[in-house]
């Protein structure tokens, strides 16, 4: 739970709390009164920083997009070869599934996927999906695949990630634990990188 002194409360505190609520309870959990209670403040504080719930939701989606897509892509070592960058990206994505399947990084992704009919969420998911698949396509292209083959492989890798995320959420007992999970992820990564066109 986020505990912030009222006098130090900023817009970023509301957005962080909103992202946490989204991971715990989906889009419905992003509600002003429960967040104000969690932050030990009033609704007035919320309206000081945001016009309405949609304004908060937009800021929350922007933060998630920045953290889970743009910063991840920016963190890739541009001096490394394409295969190394691709393996790093795929390992990071698949390993993040088990960071905390109930309330971790992947839980926001799942919450957003289940709310894809909401226009604001749909627009964010569209941008994120296109950006992620484009990055994967670029890396597979650098490995020598044609643009079409690289896009197909990028799409395969991304759908494998989403399926893996859903499996970890719905039936986590199906996945290995500890070192066995690391070996499992390595096998997925090597399969995706090494598939023949």
Protein backbone atom coordinates (compact mmCIF):
# COMPACT_ATOMS: atom_id res chain seq x y z
CA UNK A 1 0.00 0.00 0.00
CA UNK A 2 1.24 3.48 -0.86
CA UNK A 3 1.55 5.72 2.19
CA UNK A 4 2.18 9.35 1.36
CA UNK A 5 1.98 12.33 3.66
CA UNK A 6 -0.77 14.63 2.49
CA UNK A 7 1.49 17.65 2.16
CA UNK A 8 3.85 15.81 -0.16
CA UNK A 9 1.19 14.31 -2.39
CA UNK A 10 1.83 14.96 -6.07
CA UNK A 11 0.23 14.00 -9.38
CA UNK A 12 2.80 11.18 -9.72
CA UNK A 13 1.63 9.67 -6.40
CA UNK A 14 -1.91 9.40 -7.73
CA UNK A 15 -0.69 7.86 -10.98
CA UNK A 16 1.50 5.30 -9.18
CA UNK A 17 -1.39 4.37 -6.88
CA UNK A 18 -3.67 4.09 -9.91
CA UNK A 19 -1.22 1.74 -11.64
CA UNK A 20 -1.07 -0.43 -8.53
CA UNK A 21 -4.86 -0.49 -8.29
CA UNK A 22 -5.06 -1.45 -11.96
CA UNK A 23 -2.70 -4.38 -11.35
CA UNK A 24 -4.78 -5.57 -8.37
CA UNK A 25 -8.30 -5.09 -9.60
CA UNK A 26 -8.40 -4.08 -13.23
CA UNK A 27 -9.89 -0.94 -14.69
CA UNK A 28 -12.75 -0.82 -12.18
CA UNK A 29 -10.24 -0.48 -9.33
CA UNK A 30 -9.08 2.88 -10.68
CA UNK A 31 -11.62 4.87 -8.68
CA UNK A 32 -11.14 8.22 -6.96
CA UNK A 33 -12.53 7.48 -3.49
CA UNK A 34 -10.63 4.23 -2.83
CA UNK A 35 -7.42 5.80 -4.14
CA UNK A 36 -7.90 8.85 -1.92
CA UNK A 37 -8.40 6.55 1.07
CA UNK A 38 -5.30 4.55 0.16
CA UNK A 39 -3.27 7.74 -0.16
CA UNK A 40 -4.73 9.15 3.09
CA UNK A 41 -6.09 12.24 1.40
CA UNK A 42 -9.33 13.69 0.09
CA UNK A 43 -11.04 13.76 -3.27
CA UNK A 44 -10.16 17.46 -3.33
CA UNK A 45 -6.51 16.50 -3.69
CA UNK A 46 -7.43 14.38 -6.68
CA UNK A 47 -9.25 17.27 -8.36
CA UNK A 48 -6.28 19.53 -7.69
CA UNK A 49 -4.21 17.28 -9.99
CA UNK A 50 -6.78 15.82 -12.42
CA UNK A 51 -9.86 17.01 -14.26
CA UNK A 52 -11.62 13.66 -13.84
CA UNK A 53 -11.09 9.89 -13.69
CA UNK A 54 -10.37 9.74 -17.44
CA UNK A 55 -7.54 12.23 -16.94
CA UNK A 56 -6.05 9.95 -14.25
CA UNK A 57 -6.59 6.89 -16.41
CA UNK A 58 -4.86 8.53 -19.36
CA UNK A 59 -1.85 9.42 -17.17
CA UNK A 60 -1.80 5.86 -15.79
CA UNK A 61 -1.84 4.32 -19.27
CA UNK A 62 0.94 6.68 -20.38
CA UNK A 63 3.07 5.66 -17.38
CA UNK A 64 2.51 1.96 -18.08
CA UNK A 65 3.34 2.42 -21.77
CA UNK A 66 6.50 4.36 -20.94
CA UNK A 67 7.74 1.88 -18.31
CA UNK A 68 6.80 -1.37 -19.97
CA UNK A 69 7.52 -0.54 -23.60
CA UNK A 70 9.61 2.55 -24.26
CA UNK A 71 12.03 2.16 -21.33
CA UNK A 72 12.41 -1.57 -21.97
CA UNK A 73 13.27 -0.95 -25.63
CA UNK A 74 15.60 1.91 -24.69
CA UNK A 75 17.40 -0.36 -22.23
CA UNK A 76 18.59 -2.71 -24.97
CA UNK A 77 22.35 -2.56 -25.45
CA UNK A 78 22.70 -0.95 -28.88
CA UNK A 79 26.33 -2.09 -29.05
CA UNK A 80 25.31 -5.75 -28.87
CA UNK A 81 24.49 -7.79 -31.95
CA UNK A 82 20.86 -8.34 -32.93
CA UNK A 83 20.73 -11.91 -31.58
CA UNK A 84 21.96 -10.80 -28.16
CA UNK A 85 19.51 -7.89 -28.05
CA UNK A 86 16.65 -10.14 -29.13
CA UNK A 87 17.49 -12.79 -26.53
CA UNK A 88 17.73 -10.11 -23.83
CA UNK A 89 14.38 -8.62 -24.80
CA UNK A 90 12.60 -11.97 -24.93
CA UNK A 91 14.12 -13.16 -21.64
CA UNK A 92 13.09 -9.94 -19.93
CA UNK A 93 9.53 -10.26 -21.23
CA UNK A 94 9.08 -13.93 -20.36
CA UNK A 95 10.86 -13.69 -16.98
CA UNK A 96 8.67 -10.73 -15.97
CA UNK A 97 5.70 -13.09 -15.98
CA UNK A 98 6.90 -14.70 -12.76
CA UNK A 99 8.06 -11.56 -10.94
CA UNK A 100 4.70 -11.55 -9.16
CA UNK A 101 1.95 -13.07 -11.27
CA UNK A 102 -0.82 -11.83 -8.96
CA UNK A 103 0.20 -8.18 -8.76
CA UNK A 104 3.31 -7.83 -10.87
CA UNK A 105 4.17 -6.30 -14.19
CA UNK A 106 2.10 -8.74 -16.18
CA UNK A 107 -1.06 -8.19 -14.16
CA UNK A 108 -1.47 -4.68 -15.61
CA UNK A 109 -1.07 -6.12 -19.09
CA UNK A 110 -3.79 -8.69 -18.40
CA UNK A 111 -6.09 -6.10 -16.86
CA UNK A 112 -5.74 -3.94 -19.95
CA UNK A 113 -6.24 -6.87 -22.32
CA UNK A 114 -9.49 -7.71 -20.55
CA UNK A 115 -10.61 -4.07 -20.93
CA UNK A 116 -9.63 -3.75 -24.59
CA UNK A 117 -13.16 -2.67 -25.54
CA UNK A 118 -12.68 0.61 -23.65
CA UNK A 119 -11.61 3.21 -26.27
CA UNK A 120 -8.75 4.71 -24.24
CA UNK A 121 -7.38 1.27 -23.38
CA UNK A 122 -7.84 0.06 -26.95
CA UNK A 123 -5.82 2.99 -28.28
CA UNK A 124 -3.02 2.35 -25.79
CA UNK A 125 -2.92 -1.38 -26.50
CA UNK A 126 -2.87 -0.68 -30.23
CA UNK A 127 0.15 1.66 -29.88
CA UNK A 128 1.98 -0.68 -27.51
CA UNK A 129 1.35 -3.77 -29.62
CA UNK A 130 2.47 -2.04 -32.81
CA UNK A 131 5.59 -0.66 -31.11
CA UNK A 132 6.56 -4.00 -29.57
CA UNK A 133 5.94 -5.99 -32.76
CA UNK A 134 7.87 -3.37 -34.76
CA UNK A 135 10.83 -3.72 -32.41
CA UNK A 136 10.76 -7.50 -32.67
CA UNK A 137 10.41 -7.25 -36.46
CA UNK A 138 13.45 -4.99 -36.62
CA UNK A 139 15.55 -7.41 -34.58
CA UNK A 140 14.47 -10.43 -36.65
CA UNK A 141 15.21 -8.44 -39.81
CA UNK A 142 18.72 -7.75 -38.52
CA UNK A 143 19.10 -11.52 -38.09
CA UNK A 144 18.59 -11.94 -41.83
CA UNK A 145 14.90 -12.67 -42.22
CA UNK A 146 12.94 -10.86 -44.91
CA UNK A 147 10.69 -8.08 -43.66
CA UNK A 148 7.62 -10.29 -44.06
CA UNK A 149 9.26 -13.26 -42.30
CA UNK A 150 10.54 -10.98 -39.54
CA UNK A 151 7.08 -9.53 -38.95
CA UNK A 152 5.56 -13.02 -38.81
CA UNK A 153 8.23 -14.09 -36.31
CA UNK A 154 7.75 -10.93 -34.25
CA UNK A 155 4.01 -11.58 -34.13
CA UNK A 156 4.65 -15.19 -33.10
CA UNK A 157 6.98 -14.07 -30.30
CA UNK A 158 4.49 -11.47 -29.07
CA UNK A 159 1.53 -13.85 -29.08
CA UNK A 160 3.68 -16.44 -27.28
CA UNK A 161 4.39 -13.81 -24.61
CA UNK A 162 0.69 -12.95 -24.20
CA UNK A 163 -0.24 -16.64 -24.02
CA UNK A 164 2.49 -17.28 -21.48
CA UNK A 165 1.25 -14.36 -19.41
CA UNK A 166 -2.31 -15.68 -19.46
CA UNK A 167 -1.14 -19.18 -18.51
CA UNK A 168 0.87 -17.80 -15.57
CA UNK A 169 -2.21 -15.92 -14.43
CA UNK A 170 -4.89 -18.57 -14.93
CA UNK A 171 -2.98 -21.77 -14.15
CA UNK A 172 0.38 -20.84 -12.58
CA UNK A 173 0.89 -24.40 -11.34
CA UNK A 174 1.46 -25.41 -14.97
CA UNK A 175 4.73 -23.48 -15.09
CA UNK A 176 7.95 -24.66 -13.49
CA UNK A 177 9.45 -22.76 -10.55
CA UNK A 178 12.89 -21.40 -9.67
CA UNK A 179 15.76 -22.56 -11.84
CA UNK A 180 13.43 -24.76 -13.84
CA UNK A 181 11.46 -21.66 -14.82
CA UNK A 182 14.66 -19.95 -16.00
CA UNK A 183 15.50 -23.02 -18.09
CA UNK A 184 11.94 -23.01 -19.45
CA UNK A 185 12.27 -19.36 -20.50
CA UNK A 186 15.66 -20.03 -22.12
CA UNK A 187 14.08 -22.83 -24.14
CA UNK A 188 11.28 -20.53 -25.33
CA UNK A 189 13.78 -17.83 -26.28
CA UNK A 190 16.07 -20.18 -28.16
CA UNK A 191 13.11 -21.72 -29.97
CA UNK A 192 11.82 -18.31 -31.08
CA UNK A 193 15.26 -17.02 -32.11
CA UNK A 194 16.34 -20.23 -33.81
CA UNK A 195 13.23 -21.13 -35.80
CA UNK A 196 13.91 -21.49 -39.49
CA UNK A 197 11.92 -19.11 -41.74
